[in-house]
Amino acid sequence: MRPWKLATLACGIGLLVAGAFFYEAPDWDIPISFIMALMAYLTASWSMHVMVERRWRQWPTMLFWTWFTVDGCYWLYWQFKNPVALELMREANAPASLSLYWMCGLVWYYRGTLREMWADLKRTMVRSMTDG
């Protein structure tokens, strides 16, 4: 629960809510925007760590949470709210949501504070300039 991660989550939710008003997609509303964003916040970074760190035993769990966040909670919500919208939009939603999920995983991958991330970035840049 780093403040910078919560701030990016809030920005992302804001964009999703704005999109729910701006675009007239039958499957884009405010509740699903919150549900999917919060699920991504809880699972995307962890899923990315499982893949990058090659934690093979956790792959089945990671794949389940990735699927559930990207498609499972979407399916569950729309199955009860509007099955017609689900049937129309599910196929289009999955690739877009998966892309956003992995982008969130990359954004939230770093496990330190914003100050620590900035210091690490500066060290890396200085190191690459002196090595090259």
N, C-alpha and C. Protein backbone atom coordinates (compact mmCIF):
# COMPACT_ATOMS: atom_id res chain seq x y z
N MET A 1 0.83 -1.19 0.00
CA MET A 1 0.00 0.00 0.00
C MET A 1 0.87 1.25 0.00
N ARG A 2 1.65 1.40 -1.01
CA ARG A 2 2.48 2.59 -1.18
C ARG A 2 1.61 3.74 -1.69
N PRO A 3 1.83 4.95 -1.15
CA PRO A 3 1.02 6.09 -1.61
C PRO A 3 1.08 6.31 -3.12
N TRP A 4 2.25 6.12 -3.74
CA TRP A 4 2.34 6.34 -5.18
C TRP A 4 1.54 5.30 -5.94
N LYS A 5 1.47 4.09 -5.41
CA LYS A 5 0.67 3.07 -6.08
C LYS A 5 -0.83 3.37 -5.94
N LEU A 6 -1.21 3.83 -4.75
CA LEU A 6 -2.61 4.20 -4.55
C LEU A 6 -2.99 5.39 -5.42
N ALA A 7 -2.06 6.33 -5.61
CA ALA A 7 -2.33 7.49 -6.46
C ALA A 7 -2.52 7.04 -7.91
N THR A 8 -1.70 6.11 -8.38
CA THR A 8 -1.87 5.63 -9.75
C THR A 8 -3.16 4.83 -9.90
N LEU A 9 -3.53 4.10 -8.85
CA LEU A 9 -4.81 3.39 -8.87
C LEU A 9 -5.95 4.39 -8.98
N ALA A 10 -5.89 5.46 -8.19
CA ALA A 10 -6.94 6.48 -8.23
C ALA A 10 -7.02 7.13 -9.61
N CYS A 11 -5.88 7.42 -10.21
CA CYS A 11 -5.87 7.99 -11.58
C CYS A 11 -6.49 7.01 -12.57
N GLY A 12 -6.12 5.74 -12.45
CA GLY A 12 -6.67 4.73 -13.35
C GLY A 12 -8.17 4.59 -13.20
N ILE A 13 -8.65 4.56 -11.96
CA ILE A 13 -10.10 4.47 -11.73
C ILE A 13 -10.78 5.71 -12.29
N GLY A 14 -10.16 6.87 -12.11
CA GLY A 14 -10.73 8.10 -12.67
C GLY A 14 -10.87 8.03 -14.18
N LEU A 15 -9.85 7.50 -14.84
CA LEU A 15 -9.92 7.35 -16.30
C LEU A 15 -10.99 6.34 -16.71
N LEU A 16 -11.09 5.25 -15.95
CA LEU A 16 -12.11 4.25 -16.27
C LEU A 16 -13.52 4.81 -16.08
N VAL A 17 -13.73 5.55 -15.01
CA VAL A 17 -15.05 6.14 -14.76
C VAL A 17 -15.37 7.18 -15.85
N ALA A 18 -14.38 7.99 -16.20
CA ALA A 18 -14.59 8.95 -17.29
C ALA A 18 -14.94 8.22 -18.59
N GLY A 19 -14.24 7.13 -18.86
CA GLY A 19 -14.53 6.34 -20.05
C GLY A 19 -15.93 5.77 -20.04
N ALA A 20 -16.42 5.39 -18.85
CA ALA A 20 -17.78 4.86 -18.75
C ALA A 20 -18.81 5.91 -19.17
N PHE A 21 -18.51 7.18 -18.91
CA PHE A 21 -19.42 8.26 -19.33
C PHE A 21 -19.21 8.64 -20.79
N PHE A 22 -17.96 8.66 -21.22
CA PHE A 22 -17.61 9.16 -22.55
C PHE A 22 -17.96 8.17 -23.66
N TYR A 23 -17.57 6.91 -23.48
CA TYR A 23 -17.83 5.89 -24.49
C TYR A 23 -19.18 5.24 -24.22
N GLU A 24 -19.85 4.88 -25.26
CA GLU A 24 -21.16 4.28 -25.10
C GLU A 24 -21.10 2.77 -25.31
N ALA A 25 -20.18 2.13 -24.64
CA ALA A 25 -20.07 0.68 -24.72
C ALA A 25 -21.09 0.07 -23.75
N PRO A 26 -21.81 -0.95 -24.18
CA PRO A 26 -22.84 -1.52 -23.32
C PRO A 26 -22.30 -2.24 -22.08
N ASP A 27 -21.00 -2.52 -22.06
CA ASP A 27 -20.44 -3.27 -20.94
C ASP A 27 -19.48 -2.43 -20.10
N TRP A 28 -19.52 -1.12 -20.24
CA TRP A 28 -18.58 -0.27 -19.51
C TRP A 28 -19.39 0.61 -18.58
N ASP A 29 -19.40 0.27 -17.31
CA ASP A 29 -20.08 1.10 -16.34
C ASP A 29 -19.19 1.33 -15.12
N ILE A 30 -19.65 2.11 -14.20
CA ILE A 30 -18.84 2.49 -13.05
C ILE A 30 -18.52 1.31 -12.13
N PRO A 31 -19.51 0.49 -11.75
CA PRO A 31 -19.17 -0.62 -10.85
C PRO A 31 -18.10 -1.57 -11.41
N ILE A 32 -18.20 -1.94 -12.70
CA ILE A 32 -17.20 -2.87 -13.24
C ILE A 32 -15.84 -2.20 -13.34
N SER A 33 -15.83 -0.88 -13.53
CA SER A 33 -14.57 -0.14 -13.55
C SER A 33 -13.87 -0.27 -12.20
N PHE A 34 -14.61 -0.10 -11.13
CA PHE A 34 -14.03 -0.24 -9.79
C PHE A 34 -13.62 -1.68 -9.50
N ILE A 35 -14.49 -2.63 -9.83
CA ILE A 35 -14.22 -4.04 -9.54
C ILE A 35 -12.93 -4.49 -10.22
N MET A 36 -12.83 -4.24 -11.52
CA MET A 36 -11.67 -4.73 -12.26
C MET A 36 -10.40 -3.99 -11.87
N ALA A 37 -10.50 -2.68 -11.61
CA ALA A 37 -9.32 -1.92 -11.20
C ALA A 37 -8.81 -2.40 -9.85
N LEU A 38 -9.69 -2.62 -8.91
CA LEU A 38 -9.28 -3.08 -7.59
C LEU A 38 -8.70 -4.50 -7.65
N MET A 39 -9.29 -5.35 -8.46
CA MET A 39 -8.73 -6.70 -8.63
C MET A 39 -7.34 -6.62 -9.24
N ALA A 40 -7.15 -5.76 -10.21
CA ALA A 40 -5.82 -5.59 -10.82
C ALA A 40 -4.83 -5.07 -9.78
N TYR A 41 -5.26 -4.13 -8.96
CA TYR A 41 -4.37 -3.59 -7.92
C TYR A 41 -3.91 -4.71 -6.97
N LEU A 42 -4.82 -5.61 -6.66
CA LEU A 42 -4.51 -6.68 -5.71
C LEU A 42 -3.67 -7.80 -6.33
N THR A 43 -3.74 -8.01 -7.65
CA THR A 43 -3.11 -9.20 -8.23
C THR A 43 -2.06 -8.96 -9.30
N ALA A 44 -2.10 -7.85 -10.02
CA ALA A 44 -1.24 -7.68 -11.21
C ALA A 44 0.25 -7.65 -10.87
N SER A 45 0.63 -6.92 -9.86
CA SER A 45 2.04 -6.84 -9.49
C SER A 45 2.55 -8.21 -9.04
N TRP A 46 1.76 -8.87 -8.22
CA TRP A 46 2.14 -10.21 -7.75
C TRP A 46 2.29 -11.17 -8.94
N SER A 47 1.34 -11.12 -9.87
CA SER A 47 1.42 -11.99 -11.05
C SER A 47 2.68 -11.72 -11.85
N MET A 48 3.02 -10.46 -12.00
CA MET A 48 4.23 -10.09 -12.74
C MET A 48 5.47 -10.63 -12.03
N HIS A 49 5.52 -10.53 -10.71
CA HIS A 49 6.65 -11.06 -9.94
C HIS A 49 6.75 -12.58 -10.11
N VAL A 50 5.61 -13.26 -10.10
CA VAL A 50 5.63 -14.72 -10.28
C VAL A 50 6.27 -15.08 -11.61
N MET A 51 5.92 -14.35 -12.66
CA MET A 51 6.49 -14.65 -13.98
C MET A 51 7.96 -14.28 -14.06
N VAL A 52 8.29 -13.07 -13.67
CA VAL A 52 9.67 -12.59 -13.81
C VAL A 52 10.64 -13.40 -12.95
N GLU A 53 10.21 -13.74 -11.75
CA GLU A 53 11.07 -14.47 -10.82
C GLU A 53 10.98 -15.98 -11.02
N ARG A 54 10.23 -16.41 -12.01
CA ARG A 54 10.09 -17.83 -12.37
C ARG A 54 9.71 -18.70 -11.19
N ARG A 55 8.68 -18.30 -10.51
CA ARG A 55 8.16 -19.09 -9.39
C ARG A 55 7.18 -20.11 -9.97
N TRP A 56 7.74 -21.16 -10.52
CA TRP A 56 6.96 -22.12 -11.30
C TRP A 56 5.80 -22.74 -10.52
N ARG A 57 5.98 -22.99 -9.26
CA ARG A 57 4.92 -23.62 -8.47
C ARG A 57 3.71 -22.70 -8.28
N GLN A 58 3.94 -21.40 -8.41
CA GLN A 58 2.83 -20.45 -8.24
C GLN A 58 2.13 -20.11 -9.55
N TRP A 59 2.61 -20.66 -10.66
CA TRP A 59 2.01 -20.35 -11.95
C TRP A 59 0.53 -20.71 -12.03
N PRO A 60 0.09 -21.87 -11.58
CA PRO A 60 -1.35 -22.15 -11.66
C PRO A 60 -2.19 -21.11 -10.91
N THR A 61 -1.74 -20.72 -9.73
CA THR A 61 -2.46 -19.70 -8.96
C THR A 61 -2.42 -18.36 -9.68
N MET A 62 -1.25 -18.02 -10.21
CA MET A 62 -1.11 -16.76 -10.94
C MET A 62 -2.03 -16.75 -12.17
N LEU A 63 -2.06 -17.85 -12.91
CA LEU A 63 -2.92 -17.91 -14.09
C LEU A 63 -4.39 -17.79 -13.71
N PHE A 64 -4.79 -18.40 -12.60
CA PHE A 64 -6.17 -18.28 -12.14
C PHE A 64 -6.51 -16.83 -11.83
N TRP A 65 -5.67 -16.16 -11.03
CA TRP A 65 -5.97 -14.77 -10.64
C TRP A 65 -5.90 -13.83 -11.83
N THR A 66 -5.02 -14.11 -12.76
CA THR A 66 -4.98 -13.29 -13.98
C THR A 66 -6.29 -13.46 -14.75
N TRP A 67 -6.70 -14.70 -14.97
CA TRP A 67 -7.96 -14.95 -15.66
C TRP A 67 -9.13 -14.33 -14.91
N PHE A 68 -9.18 -14.54 -13.60
CA PHE A 68 -10.33 -14.04 -12.83
C PHE A 68 -10.40 -12.52 -12.90
N THR A 69 -9.25 -11.86 -12.81
CA THR A 69 -9.24 -10.40 -12.85
C THR A 69 -9.61 -9.88 -14.23
N VAL A 70 -9.10 -10.51 -15.26
CA VAL A 70 -9.30 -10.05 -16.64
C VAL A 70 -10.67 -10.44 -17.18
N ASP A 71 -11.15 -11.64 -16.86
CA ASP A 71 -12.37 -12.14 -17.47
C ASP A 71 -13.39 -12.69 -16.48
N GLY A 72 -12.93 -13.35 -15.44
CA GLY A 72 -13.85 -14.02 -14.52
C GLY A 72 -14.78 -13.07 -13.78
N CYS A 73 -14.23 -12.02 -13.19
CA CYS A 73 -15.08 -11.07 -12.46
C CYS A 73 -15.96 -10.30 -13.43
N TYR A 74 -15.44 -10.03 -14.62
CA TYR A 74 -16.23 -9.38 -15.68
C TYR A 74 -17.42 -10.27 -16.06
N TRP A 75 -17.16 -11.53 -16.30
CA TRP A 75 -18.22 -12.47 -16.66
C TRP A 75 -19.27 -12.57 -15.55
N LEU A 76 -18.80 -12.71 -14.32
CA LEU A 76 -19.71 -12.85 -13.19
C LEU A 76 -20.61 -11.63 -13.04
N TYR A 77 -20.02 -10.45 -13.12
CA TYR A 77 -20.78 -9.21 -12.98
C TYR A 77 -21.84 -9.08 -14.08
N TRP A 78 -21.42 -9.25 -15.34
CA TRP A 78 -22.34 -9.05 -16.45
C TRP A 78 -23.32 -10.20 -16.62
N GLN A 79 -22.97 -11.37 -16.14
CA GLN A 79 -23.91 -12.49 -16.18
C GLN A 79 -25.17 -12.15 -15.40
N PHE A 80 -25.01 -11.43 -14.29
CA PHE A 80 -26.16 -11.05 -13.47
C PHE A 80 -26.76 -9.71 -13.90
N LYS A 81 -25.91 -8.78 -14.32
CA LYS A 81 -26.40 -7.43 -14.66
C LYS A 81 -27.07 -7.37 -16.03
N ASN A 82 -26.41 -7.92 -17.07
CA ASN A 82 -26.95 -7.84 -18.42
C ASN A 82 -26.27 -8.90 -19.30
N PRO A 83 -26.80 -10.10 -19.33
CA PRO A 83 -26.18 -11.18 -20.12
C PRO A 83 -26.06 -10.86 -21.61
N VAL A 84 -26.93 -10.02 -22.14
CA VAL A 84 -26.84 -9.66 -23.56
C VAL A 84 -25.58 -8.83 -23.80
N ALA A 85 -25.30 -7.88 -22.94
CA ALA A 85 -24.08 -7.08 -23.05
C ALA A 85 -22.85 -7.98 -22.93
N LEU A 86 -22.92 -8.94 -22.03
CA LEU A 86 -21.82 -9.89 -21.86
C LEU A 86 -21.56 -10.65 -23.16
N GLU A 87 -22.62 -11.15 -23.76
CA GLU A 87 -22.47 -11.92 -25.00
C GLU A 87 -21.91 -11.06 -26.13
N LEU A 88 -22.33 -9.81 -26.17
CA LEU A 88 -21.87 -8.90 -27.23
C LEU A 88 -20.41 -8.49 -27.07
N MET A 89 -19.98 -8.27 -25.83
CA MET A 89 -18.72 -7.58 -25.60
C MET A 89 -17.59 -8.41 -25.00
N ARG A 90 -17.88 -9.60 -24.52
CA ARG A 90 -16.87 -10.38 -23.80
C ARG A 90 -15.62 -10.63 -24.64
N GLU A 91 -15.82 -10.99 -25.88
CA GLU A 91 -14.68 -11.30 -26.75
C GLU A 91 -13.79 -10.08 -26.97
N ALA A 92 -14.38 -8.92 -27.06
CA ALA A 92 -13.60 -7.69 -27.25
C ALA A 92 -12.95 -7.22 -25.95
N ASN A 93 -13.58 -7.52 -24.83
CA ASN A 93 -13.08 -7.05 -23.55
C ASN A 93 -11.81 -7.77 -23.12
N ALA A 94 -11.71 -9.04 -23.36
CA ALA A 94 -10.60 -9.84 -22.84
C ALA A 94 -9.23 -9.34 -23.27
N PRO A 95 -8.96 -9.12 -24.56
CA PRO A 95 -7.61 -8.65 -24.92
C PRO A 95 -7.29 -7.26 -24.37
N ALA A 96 -8.29 -6.37 -24.38
CA ALA A 96 -8.05 -5.02 -23.84
C ALA A 96 -7.76 -5.09 -22.34
N SER A 97 -8.53 -5.88 -21.63
CA SER A 97 -8.33 -5.99 -20.18
C SER A 97 -7.02 -6.68 -19.84
N LEU A 98 -6.64 -7.68 -20.62
CA LEU A 98 -5.37 -8.36 -20.37
C LEU A 98 -4.20 -7.40 -20.58
N SER A 99 -4.26 -6.60 -21.62
CA SER A 99 -3.21 -5.61 -21.87
C SER A 99 -3.11 -4.62 -20.72
N LEU A 100 -4.24 -4.11 -20.27
CA LEU A 100 -4.24 -3.18 -19.14
C LEU A 100 -3.73 -3.85 -17.87
N TYR A 101 -4.09 -5.11 -17.68
CA TYR A 101 -3.65 -5.85 -16.50
C TYR A 101 -2.12 -5.92 -16.44
N TRP A 102 -1.49 -6.29 -17.57
CA TRP A 102 -0.03 -6.40 -17.56
C TRP A 102 0.64 -5.04 -17.47
N MET A 103 0.00 -4.00 -18.03
CA MET A 103 0.54 -2.65 -17.85
C MET A 103 0.52 -2.26 -16.38
N CYS A 104 -0.56 -2.57 -15.71
CA CYS A 104 -0.64 -2.30 -14.27
C CYS A 104 0.42 -3.09 -13.52
N GLY A 105 0.62 -4.34 -13.90
CA GLY A 105 1.65 -5.16 -13.27
C GLY A 105 3.02 -4.53 -13.40
N LEU A 106 3.30 -3.94 -14.56
CA LEU A 106 4.59 -3.27 -14.76
C LEU A 106 4.69 -1.99 -13.95
N VAL A 107 3.63 -1.21 -13.95
CA VAL A 107 3.64 0.05 -13.19
C VAL A 107 3.82 -0.21 -11.70
N TRP A 108 3.12 -1.21 -11.19
CA TRP A 108 3.16 -1.50 -9.76
C TRP A 108 4.21 -2.54 -9.37
N TYR A 109 5.05 -2.92 -10.28
CA TYR A 109 6.05 -3.96 -10.03
C TYR A 109 7.05 -3.57 -8.94
N TYR A 110 7.49 -2.34 -8.94
CA TYR A 110 8.51 -1.89 -8.00
C TYR A 110 7.97 -1.97 -6.57
N ARG A 111 8.80 -2.48 -5.65
CA ARG A 111 8.33 -2.72 -4.29
C ARG A 111 8.76 -1.66 -3.28
N GLY A 112 9.34 -0.59 -3.74
CA GLY A 112 9.80 0.43 -2.83
C GLY A 112 8.95 1.68 -2.88
N THR A 113 9.43 2.70 -2.17
CA THR A 113 8.77 3.99 -2.19
C THR A 113 9.12 4.71 -3.48
N LEU A 114 8.44 5.79 -3.74
CA LEU A 114 8.73 6.60 -4.91
C LEU A 114 10.13 7.19 -4.82
N ARG A 115 10.52 7.61 -3.63
CA ARG A 115 11.88 8.14 -3.42
C ARG A 115 12.94 7.07 -3.71
N GLU A 116 12.71 5.85 -3.23
CA GLU A 116 13.65 4.75 -3.49
C GLU A 116 13.71 4.42 -4.98
N MET A 117 12.56 4.45 -5.64
CA MET A 117 12.53 4.15 -7.07
C MET A 117 13.32 5.22 -7.84
N TRP A 118 13.15 6.47 -7.48
CA TRP A 118 13.87 7.56 -8.15
C TRP A 118 15.38 7.41 -7.94
N ALA A 119 15.79 7.07 -6.70
CA ALA A 119 17.22 6.87 -6.41
C ALA A 119 17.78 5.69 -7.21
N ASP A 120 17.03 4.60 -7.28
CA ASP A 120 17.47 3.44 -8.06
C ASP A 120 17.57 3.77 -9.54
N LEU A 121 16.63 4.53 -10.03
CA LEU A 121 16.65 4.93 -11.44
C LEU A 121 17.88 5.79 -11.73
N LYS A 122 18.17 6.73 -10.85
CA LYS A 122 19.35 7.58 -11.04
C LYS A 122 20.63 6.75 -11.02
N ARG A 123 20.73 5.83 -10.05
CA ARG A 123 21.91 4.95 -9.98
C ARG A 123 22.06 4.13 -11.25
N THR A 124 20.98 3.61 -11.74
CA THR A 124 21.02 2.80 -12.96
C THR A 124 21.46 3.63 -14.16
N MET A 125 20.95 4.83 -14.24
CA MET A 125 21.32 5.70 -15.37
C MET A 125 22.79 6.11 -15.30
N VAL A 126 23.26 6.44 -14.11
CA VAL A 126 24.68 6.80 -13.95
C VAL A 126 25.55 5.61 -14.30
N ARG A 127 25.18 4.43 -13.82
CA ARG A 127 25.93 3.21 -14.10
C ARG A 127 25.98 2.92 -15.60
N SER A 128 24.84 3.09 -16.27
CA SER A 128 24.82 2.81 -17.72
C SER A 128 25.63 3.83 -18.50
N MET A 129 25.72 5.06 -18.02
CA MET A 129 26.52 6.08 -18.69
C MET A 129 28.02 5.83 -18.50
N THR A 130 28.40 5.35 -17.33
CA THR A 130 29.83 5.10 -17.09
C THR A 130 30.29 3.79 -17.71
N ASP A 131 29.38 2.83 -17.88
CA ASP A 131 29.75 1.55 -18.50
C ASP A 131 29.82 1.66 -20.02
N GLY A 132 29.05 2.53 -20.58
CA GLY A 132 28.92 2.57 -22.03
C GLY A 132 29.79 3.56 -22.64
